[in-house]
Amino acid sequence: MQQQQGAASAANPFEVGPQPLNTPEELRAIRQAMGEGKNPLIATDVPRWEDQVGVSRIINRRVLELEPLPTPAQVLAELPLTPQAQEIVAYSRDEIRACLYGQDDRLLVIVGPCSVHDPKAALDYAHRLAKVMKETERELLIVMRVYFEKPRTTVGWKGLINDPDIDGSHHIKKGLLLARKTLLGVLGEGLAAATEFLEPTSPQFIADAVSWGAIGARNTESQVHRQLASGLSMPVGFKNATDGSVKAAVNGCFAAAQQHTFFGIDHMGRACAVETLGNPDCHVVLRGSIHGPNYDAESVAKAMATIRDEMPADSAASHGLIVDCSHGNSGKDEHRQAEVVRDIARRIAAGERGITGIMMESFIEGGNQKAAPLDQLVYGKSITDKCISWPDTEALLHELAEAVAARRWK
């Protein structure tokens, strides 16, 4: 009887899986070979991976290591939101919705570093931004851009979560904790946070602290990201595709508003089928394209016509859109980005409708620098796209506030 139970247990597919991939010594040997430009799968002077490094001949042949991570529940328990932070998230999400639906005539301004690489500098920036938020709160709804994941056209630094030490060590556990600590710090300043969701499982670790989400230009046509947006508890902006297609973003908004069922994980890290209700608060973000900018009044009007042809009249998307003043709208030049902001401010002051919000990439220091470990970097300067300096940012925010005040008299 015991033998039969053992045989049945051995045949149970839920108890069969790949063996641990490699010992620490084997990993070091493989990494050394890869550092020398060798491919362990084909190099003749490196031990055959599947035979001598413990990898199954048919499973994980191109996986170097599987490092267990804490579950979302563990991370949230270690770094919980305070009651005050929960109130900021809940209230700011409602405020953002009110702006998107035209119930609040303030301008939504999503502003902050292109990416967070130094939590200390990000919180320094947040402290400065919180002061301006209070000064302009009657005209602007300011939300801080707090981006931890960076999509790359080819390769490059993928963000704080993926590589917090900016040295290729990819300490993702450390990155997850740092990202969440940063969000808690931003909320501690009284600011709401915005971020782009790239990895489909990362929201379980940080989404409770985020008030506005973005689906980037490279992912706006991705079914995975449309499904993800359909279940997020916040408004989500879909950027136009890199080729300039606004229809791709509109399709993303339409798809995300529907119910979906898809693969995901729960807060215990268990694989599960996720069934969503759909997100009616999705909207379009114009970010320019490889062909040029699309922030001008004609492009905005054309985009709104496309949106209203496809989306329900009572949707967030049909009420207005957000203009990203960076990326394709500025050629990733911080000085040109400031000009775009000023142009939009002039148009708002003149009474133009349809723009419910803008996005700006801004940091303490203007410009950018090459990615490197933190101790080799200029403090408060972007390591991804060029950013507007803090003094210029402060001036631009006040210009936008004055423009909104002027529009109210139109």
Protein backbone atom coordinates (compact mmCIF):
# COMPACT_ATOMS: atom_id res chain seq x y z
CA MET A 1 0.00 0.00 0.00
CA GLN A 2 2.81 2.39 0.87
CA GLN A 3 4.54 1.58 -2.42
CA GLN A 4 1.33 2.33 -4.35
CA GLN A 5 0.93 5.66 -2.57
CA GLY A 6 4.54 6.51 -3.34
CA ALA A 7 4.08 5.65 -7.00
CA ALA A 8 0.92 7.75 -7.18
CA SER A 9 2.69 10.63 -5.49
CA ALA A 10 5.62 10.41 -7.91
CA ALA A 11 3.19 10.53 -10.83
CA ASN A 12 1.40 13.58 -9.48
CA PRO A 13 2.22 16.38 -11.92
CA PHE A 14 1.82 18.97 -9.17
CA GLU A 15 4.75 17.43 -7.31
CA VAL A 16 7.07 17.27 -10.30
CA GLY A 17 9.16 20.27 -11.26
CA PRO A 18 12.63 21.39 -12.27
CA GLN A 19 15.43 20.84 -9.84
CA PRO A 20 17.29 23.84 -8.37
CA LEU A 21 19.17 25.38 -11.23
CA ASN A 22 22.73 25.92 -10.08
CA THR A 23 24.95 26.05 -7.03
CA PRO A 24 26.56 29.40 -6.13
CA GLU A 25 29.88 28.11 -7.48
CA GLU A 26 28.31 27.10 -10.77
CA LEU A 27 26.56 30.46 -11.05
CA ARG A 28 29.86 32.27 -10.56
CA ALA A 29 31.48 30.14 -13.27
CA ILE A 30 28.66 30.84 -15.69
CA ARG A 31 28.65 34.58 -14.97
CA GLN A 32 32.40 34.72 -15.45
CA ALA A 33 32.07 33.00 -18.82
CA MET A 34 29.26 35.36 -19.82
CA GLY A 35 31.34 38.32 -18.68
CA GLU A 36 33.99 37.16 -21.14
CA GLY A 37 31.40 37.21 -23.91
CA LYS A 38 30.86 33.44 -24.02
CA ASN A 39 27.48 31.73 -24.34
CA PRO A 40 27.36 28.76 -21.93
CA LEU A 41 24.89 27.03 -24.23
CA ILE A 42 27.28 26.81 -27.18
CA ALA A 43 30.82 27.68 -26.04
CA THR A 44 33.15 24.69 -26.41
CA ASP A 45 35.41 25.68 -23.52
CA VAL A 46 32.55 26.10 -21.02
CA PRO A 47 31.00 22.97 -19.47
CA ARG A 48 27.79 22.03 -21.25
CA TRP A 49 25.05 23.82 -19.36
CA GLU A 50 22.45 21.07 -19.45
CA ASP A 51 24.91 18.29 -18.56
CA GLN A 52 27.16 19.82 -15.94
CA VAL A 53 25.31 22.73 -14.38
CA GLY A 54 22.19 20.89 -13.30
CA VAL A 55 19.70 22.37 -15.74
CA SER A 56 17.09 20.04 -17.22
CA ARG A 57 17.57 19.27 -20.91
CA ILE A 58 14.10 20.62 -21.72
CA ILE A 59 13.31 23.12 -18.94
CA ASN A 60 14.98 26.45 -18.13
CA ARG A 61 17.78 26.03 -20.66
CA ARG A 62 18.05 29.79 -20.93
CA VAL A 63 17.33 30.62 -17.30
CA LEU A 64 20.38 31.33 -15.19
CA GLU A 65 18.74 31.60 -11.79
CA LEU A 66 15.32 31.70 -10.12
CA GLU A 67 15.52 33.88 -7.01
CA PRO A 68 12.49 33.71 -4.69
CA LEU A 69 10.93 37.09 -3.89
CA PRO A 70 8.72 38.08 -0.97
CA THR A 71 5.01 37.94 -1.66
CA PRO A 72 3.07 41.17 -2.13
CA ALA A 73 1.40 40.51 1.22
CA GLN A 74 4.78 40.34 2.94
CA VAL A 75 5.97 43.59 1.35
CA LEU A 76 2.72 45.40 2.20
CA ALA A 77 2.88 44.09 5.77
CA GLU A 78 6.48 45.27 6.16
CA LEU A 79 5.74 48.70 4.65
CA PRO A 80 2.04 49.43 5.21
CA LEU A 81 0.19 52.59 4.27
CA THR A 82 -0.68 54.77 7.24
CA PRO A 83 -4.33 55.82 7.62
CA GLN A 84 -3.29 59.30 6.46
CA ALA A 85 -1.62 57.87 3.34
CA GLN A 86 -4.69 55.77 2.56
CA GLU A 87 -6.80 58.92 2.76
CA ILE A 88 -4.49 60.78 0.36
CA VAL A 89 -4.65 57.95 -2.18
CA ALA A 90 -8.42 57.57 -2.00
CA TYR A 91 -9.16 61.31 -2.08
CA SER A 92 -6.65 62.12 -4.83
CA ARG A 93 -8.02 59.38 -7.07
CA ASP A 94 -11.45 60.99 -6.74
CA GLU A 95 -9.96 64.42 -7.47
CA ILE A 96 -8.23 63.08 -10.59
CA ARG A 97 -11.48 61.53 -11.78
CA ALA A 98 -13.24 64.84 -11.24
CA CYS A 99 -10.67 66.60 -13.45
CA LEU A 100 -10.91 63.93 -16.12
CA TYR A 101 -14.71 64.12 -16.25
CA GLY A 102 -14.80 67.91 -16.27
CA GLN A 103 -16.36 68.18 -12.82
CA ASP A 104 -13.27 70.04 -11.54
CA ASP A 105 -11.88 72.81 -13.75
CA ARG A 106 -8.38 72.59 -12.30
CA LEU A 107 -5.59 71.36 -14.56
CA LEU A 108 -4.18 67.95 -13.68
CA VAL A 109 -0.38 68.25 -13.66
CA ILE A 110 1.69 65.06 -13.44
CA VAL A 111 5.24 66.23 -12.83
CA GLY A 112 8.46 64.68 -11.60
CA PRO A 113 11.63 62.85 -12.64
CA CYS A 114 11.67 60.76 -15.80
CA SER A 115 12.60 57.90 -13.48
CA VAL A 116 13.49 57.46 -9.83
CA HIS A 117 17.07 56.26 -9.40
CA ASP A 118 17.85 57.91 -6.05
CA PRO A 119 15.03 57.76 -3.48
CA LYS A 120 16.71 60.46 -1.38
CA ALA A 121 16.73 62.92 -4.28
CA ALA A 122 13.17 61.93 -5.23
CA LEU A 123 11.94 62.77 -1.73
CA ASP A 124 13.91 66.02 -1.75
CA TYR A 125 12.06 66.87 -4.95
CA ALA A 126 8.75 65.81 -3.37
CA HIS A 127 9.33 68.17 -0.45
CA ARG A 128 9.84 71.08 -2.86
CA LEU A 129 6.85 70.10 -4.99
CA ALA A 130 4.56 69.85 -1.95
CA LYS A 131 5.15 73.54 -1.23
CA VAL A 132 4.18 74.56 -4.77
CA MET A 133 1.17 72.25 -4.62
CA LYS A 134 -0.17 74.22 -1.66
CA GLU A 135 0.51 77.53 -3.41
CA THR A 136 -1.38 76.51 -6.57
CA GLU A 137 -4.01 74.11 -5.21
CA ARG A 138 -6.94 76.27 -6.36
CA GLU A 139 -5.83 76.08 -10.02
CA LEU A 140 -3.74 72.90 -10.32
CA LEU A 141 -4.12 69.32 -9.16
CA ILE A 142 -0.47 68.32 -8.83
CA VAL A 143 0.48 64.64 -8.80
CA MET A 144 4.11 63.61 -8.58
CA ARG A 145 5.56 61.42 -11.29
CA VAL A 146 7.25 58.49 -9.46
CA TYR A 147 8.39 56.01 -12.13
CA PHE A 148 10.20 52.82 -11.10
CA GLU A 149 10.02 50.76 -14.32
CA LYS A 150 11.48 51.89 -17.63
CA PRO A 151 10.61 50.29 -20.98
CA ARG A 152 13.64 50.22 -23.27
CA THR A 153 13.66 50.42 -27.05
CA THR A 154 16.56 47.93 -27.04
CA VAL A 155 18.47 47.53 -23.76
CA GLY A 156 19.47 49.74 -20.86
CA TRP A 157 18.77 50.42 -17.19
CA LYS A 158 15.25 49.12 -16.51
CA GLY A 159 14.50 51.15 -13.43
CA LEU A 160 14.78 51.16 -9.65
CA ILE A 161 12.78 47.98 -9.11
CA ASN A 162 14.82 45.95 -11.59
CA ASP A 163 18.29 47.30 -10.77
CA PRO A 164 18.32 49.56 -7.69
CA ASP A 165 22.13 49.70 -7.50
CA ILE A 166 22.44 50.75 -11.17
CA ASP A 167 25.26 48.25 -11.68
CA GLY A 168 23.62 45.25 -13.35
CA SER A 169 23.25 43.33 -10.09
CA HIS A 170 19.44 43.31 -10.39
CA HIS A 171 18.55 43.09 -6.69
CA ILE A 172 14.82 43.08 -7.38
CA LYS A 173 13.80 42.41 -3.78
CA LYS A 174 15.74 45.50 -2.70
CA GLY A 175 14.20 47.44 -5.58
CA LEU A 176 10.65 46.51 -4.60
CA LEU A 177 11.21 47.63 -1.03
CA LEU A 178 12.92 50.86 -2.11
CA ALA A 179 10.10 51.65 -4.52
CA ARG A 180 7.47 51.18 -1.86
CA LYS A 181 9.45 53.21 0.69
CA THR A 182 9.72 56.01 -1.86
CA LEU A 183 5.98 56.01 -2.45
CA LEU A 184 5.35 56.13 1.30
CA GLY A 185 7.72 59.09 1.51
CA VAL A 186 5.93 60.93 -1.30
CA LEU A 187 2.59 60.33 0.40
CA GLY A 188 4.15 61.54 3.64
CA GLU A 189 4.69 64.90 1.95
CA GLY A 190 0.97 65.05 1.20
CA LEU A 191 1.45 64.35 -2.51
CA ALA A 192 -0.36 61.82 -4.67
CA ALA A 193 1.82 59.60 -6.88
CA ALA A 194 1.68 58.58 -10.55
CA THR A 195 3.61 55.73 -12.15
CA GLU A 196 3.84 53.61 -15.28
CA PHE A 197 2.96 49.94 -14.90
CA LEU A 198 5.25 47.77 -16.98
CA GLU A 199 5.63 44.37 -15.30
CA PRO A 200 2.16 42.77 -15.00
CA THR A 201 2.81 41.58 -11.43
CA SER A 202 4.41 44.73 -9.98
CA PRO A 203 1.07 46.47 -9.21
CA GLN A 204 0.42 43.94 -6.45
CA PHE A 205 3.42 45.41 -4.61
CA ILE A 206 2.81 49.14 -5.10
CA ALA A 207 -0.58 49.95 -6.68
CA ASP A 208 -2.28 50.68 -3.36
CA ALA A 209 0.01 53.73 -3.03
CA VAL A 210 -0.56 55.05 -6.59
CA SER A 211 -3.28 57.49 -7.64
CA TRP A 212 -2.75 57.59 -11.43
CA GLY A 213 -1.28 54.96 -13.72
CA ALA A 214 0.16 55.04 -17.22
CA ILE A 215 0.42 52.49 -20.00
CA GLY A 216 3.36 53.55 -22.15
CA ALA A 217 3.53 54.03 -25.90
CA ARG A 218 5.28 50.70 -26.46
CA ASN A 219 2.60 48.80 -24.53
CA THR A 220 -0.58 50.63 -25.44
CA GLU A 221 -1.50 47.86 -27.93
CA SER A 222 -0.50 45.06 -25.55
CA GLN A 223 -3.38 42.82 -24.50
CA VAL A 224 -1.56 42.08 -21.24
CA HIS A 225 -1.45 45.77 -20.31
CA ARG A 226 -5.01 46.47 -21.40
CA GLN A 227 -6.17 43.62 -19.18
CA LEU A 228 -4.03 44.94 -16.35
CA ALA A 229 -5.54 48.43 -16.69
CA SER A 230 -9.04 46.95 -16.58
CA GLY A 231 -8.44 45.86 -12.99
CA LEU A 232 -6.47 48.80 -11.60
CA SER A 233 -8.25 50.81 -8.91
CA MET A 234 -7.19 54.19 -10.31
CA PRO A 235 -7.53 56.25 -13.50
CA VAL A 236 -5.13 55.07 -16.22
CA GLY A 237 -3.74 57.00 -19.17
CA PHE A 238 -2.95 55.21 -22.45
CA LYS A 239 -0.28 56.95 -24.51
CA ASN A 240 -0.52 57.14 -28.28
CA ALA A 241 1.74 54.61 -30.01
CA THR A 242 5.31 55.55 -30.96
CA ASP A 243 4.22 55.84 -34.60
CA GLY A 244 1.69 58.49 -33.54
CA SER A 245 -1.43 56.33 -33.68
CA VAL A 246 -4.09 57.83 -31.42
CA LYS A 247 -6.46 55.02 -32.42
CA ALA A 248 -4.17 52.55 -30.63
CA ALA A 249 -4.60 54.47 -27.38
CA VAL A 250 -8.36 54.80 -27.92
CA ASN A 251 -8.60 51.06 -28.51
CA GLY A 252 -6.65 50.56 -25.29
CA CYS A 253 -9.12 52.71 -23.37
CA PHE A 254 -12.07 50.87 -24.90
CA ALA A 255 -10.61 47.43 -24.17
CA ALA A 256 -9.64 48.34 -20.60
CA ALA A 257 -13.19 49.47 -19.89
CA GLN A 258 -14.43 45.93 -20.49
CA GLN A 259 -14.43 42.92 -18.18
CA HIS A 260 -11.50 40.52 -18.58
CA THR A 261 -10.24 37.24 -17.16
CA PHE A 262 -6.51 36.53 -17.32
CA PHE A 263 -3.52 34.97 -15.60
CA GLY A 264 -2.16 36.82 -12.59
CA ILE A 265 -1.05 36.50 -8.98
CA ASP A 266 -2.80 37.35 -5.73
CA HIS A 267 -1.29 39.02 -2.67
CA MET A 268 0.03 35.68 -1.49
CA GLY A 269 1.95 35.27 -4.74
CA ARG A 270 -0.26 32.41 -5.91
CA ALA A 271 -1.04 32.01 -9.59
CA CYS A 272 -4.71 32.67 -10.18
CA ALA A 273 -7.33 33.58 -12.73
CA VAL A 274 -8.04 37.29 -12.32
CA GLU A 275 -11.52 38.48 -13.26
CA THR A 276 -11.93 42.26 -13.55
CA LEU A 277 -14.87 44.63 -13.76
CA GLY A 278 -13.31 46.98 -16.31
CA ASN A 279 -11.94 50.49 -15.79
CA PRO A 280 -14.13 53.35 -17.08
CA ASP A 281 -11.57 55.99 -16.05
CA CYS A 282 -9.04 55.33 -18.83
CA HIS A 283 -8.10 58.22 -21.10
CA VAL A 284 -5.66 59.19 -23.86
CA VAL A 285 -2.25 60.79 -23.41
CA LEU A 286 -0.72 62.56 -26.42
CA ARG A 287 3.07 62.15 -26.27
CA GLY A 288 4.17 62.92 -29.81
CA SER A 289 5.74 60.31 -32.05
CA ILE A 290 8.69 59.42 -34.23
CA HIS A 291 7.09 61.69 -36.85
CA GLY A 292 6.89 64.77 -34.61
CA PRO A 293 4.79 66.47 -31.94
CA ASN A 294 1.02 66.30 -31.49
CA TYR A 295 0.43 68.83 -28.70
CA ASP A 296 -0.78 71.65 -30.99
CA ALA A 297 -4.43 72.72 -30.99
CA GLU A 298 -5.17 71.05 -34.33
CA SER A 299 -3.73 67.71 -33.17
CA VAL A 300 -5.66 67.90 -29.90
CA ALA A 301 -8.92 68.63 -31.73
CA LYS A 302 -8.30 65.80 -34.19
CA ALA A 303 -7.51 63.38 -31.37
CA MET A 304 -10.65 64.37 -29.47
CA ALA A 305 -12.73 63.77 -32.60
CA THR A 306 -11.25 60.27 -32.91
CA ILE A 307 -11.87 59.58 -29.24
CA ARG A 308 -15.49 60.75 -29.35
CA ASP A 309 -16.17 58.63 -32.43
CA GLU A 310 -15.07 55.49 -30.58
CA MET A 311 -15.75 56.03 -26.87
CA PRO A 312 -19.04 56.48 -24.98
CA ALA A 313 -19.99 60.11 -24.41
CA ASP A 314 -19.93 59.64 -20.64
CA SER A 315 -16.42 58.11 -20.55
CA ALA A 316 -13.40 59.90 -19.09
CA ALA A 317 -11.69 59.73 -22.48
CA SER A 318 -14.49 61.63 -24.22
CA HIS A 319 -14.23 64.57 -21.82
CA GLY A 320 -10.60 65.41 -22.56
CA LEU A 321 -7.03 64.22 -22.80
CA ILE A 322 -3.63 64.70 -21.23
CA VAL A 323 -0.66 66.14 -23.12
CA ASP A 324 2.79 64.74 -22.32
CA CYS A 325 5.09 67.71 -22.89
CA SER A 326 8.18 65.50 -23.08
CA HIS A 327 9.10 62.56 -25.33
CA GLY A 328 7.98 63.03 -28.93
CA ASN A 329 6.42 66.40 -28.16
CA SER A 330 9.76 67.93 -27.23
CA GLY A 331 12.29 65.66 -28.90
CA LYS A 332 13.37 64.78 -25.33
CA ASP A 333 14.95 68.22 -24.99
CA GLU A 334 14.26 69.91 -21.65
CA HIS A 335 14.35 73.43 -23.09
CA ARG A 336 11.90 72.51 -25.83
CA GLN A 337 9.74 70.79 -23.21
CA ALA A 338 9.48 74.07 -21.28
CA GLU A 339 8.39 75.81 -24.50
CA VAL A 340 5.65 73.20 -24.96
CA VAL A 341 4.40 73.83 -21.41
CA ARG A 342 4.32 77.59 -22.03
CA ASP A 343 2.47 77.12 -25.32
CA ILE A 344 -0.19 75.04 -23.59
CA ALA A 345 -0.44 77.61 -20.78
CA ARG A 346 -1.10 80.36 -23.34
CA ARG A 347 -3.80 78.29 -25.02
CA ILE A 348 -5.48 77.46 -21.72
CA ALA A 349 -5.45 81.14 -20.76
CA ALA A 350 -7.10 81.90 -24.11
CA GLY A 351 -9.92 79.50 -23.24
CA GLU A 352 -8.97 76.31 -25.11
CA ARG A 353 -10.82 73.21 -23.90
CA GLY A 354 -10.05 69.53 -24.33
CA ILE A 355 -6.80 69.42 -22.36
CA THR A 356 -7.61 68.12 -18.88
CA GLY A 357 -4.00 67.61 -17.84
CA ILE A 358 -0.34 67.74 -18.76
CA MET A 359 2.76 65.71 -17.96
CA MET A 360 6.22 67.19 -17.35
CA GLU A 361 9.58 65.52 -16.75
CA SER A 362 11.32 67.56 -14.09
CA PHE A 363 14.02 67.06 -11.47
CA ILE A 364 16.26 69.09 -9.18
CA GLU A 365 18.97 69.58 -11.82
CA GLY A 366 18.21 70.11 -15.49
CA GLY A 367 19.31 67.76 -18.28
CA ASN A 368 20.50 64.22 -17.74
CA GLN A 369 23.61 62.11 -17.20
CA LYS A 370 24.80 58.64 -18.08
CA ALA A 371 23.62 55.85 -15.78
CA ALA A 372 26.18 54.75 -13.18
CA PRO A 373 26.28 53.64 -9.54
CA LEU A 374 24.84 56.27 -7.22
CA ASP A 375 28.15 57.45 -5.76
CA GLN A 376 29.33 58.41 -9.25
CA LEU A 377 26.32 60.56 -10.13
CA VAL A 378 25.37 64.22 -9.86
CA TYR A 379 22.71 64.52 -7.16
CA GLY A 380 19.20 65.18 -8.42
CA LYS A 381 19.97 64.75 -12.12
CA SER A 382 18.14 62.28 -14.35
CA ILE A 383 19.87 59.16 -15.68
CA THR A 384 17.20 58.58 -18.32
CA ASP A 385 15.48 61.39 -20.29
CA LYS A 386 16.44 65.04 -19.88
CA CYS A 387 14.42 66.88 -17.25
CA ILE A 388 13.50 70.50 -16.61
CA SER A 389 15.39 71.98 -13.64
CA TRP A 390 13.59 72.72 -10.39
CA PRO A 391 13.75 76.54 -10.69
CA ASP A 392 12.25 76.36 -14.18
CA THR A 393 9.66 73.83 -13.03
CA GLU A 394 8.52 76.07 -10.20
CA ALA A 395 8.11 79.00 -12.58
CA LEU A 396 6.20 76.88 -15.13
CA LEU A 397 3.80 75.56 -12.51
CA HIS A 398 2.92 79.11 -11.50
CA GLU A 399 2.44 80.03 -15.18
CA LEU A 400 0.02 77.13 -15.57
CA ALA A 401 -1.86 78.20 -12.45
CA GLU A 402 -2.19 81.73 -13.81
CA ALA A 403 -3.46 80.31 -17.12
CA VAL A 404 -6.19 78.31 -15.39
CA ALA A 405 -7.22 81.38 -13.40
CA ALA A 406 -7.40 83.39 -16.63
CA ARG A 407 -9.52 80.73 -18.36
CA ARG A 408 -12.13 80.98 -15.63
CA TRP A 409 -12.90 84.51 -16.82
CA LYS A 410 -13.54 83.40 -20.40
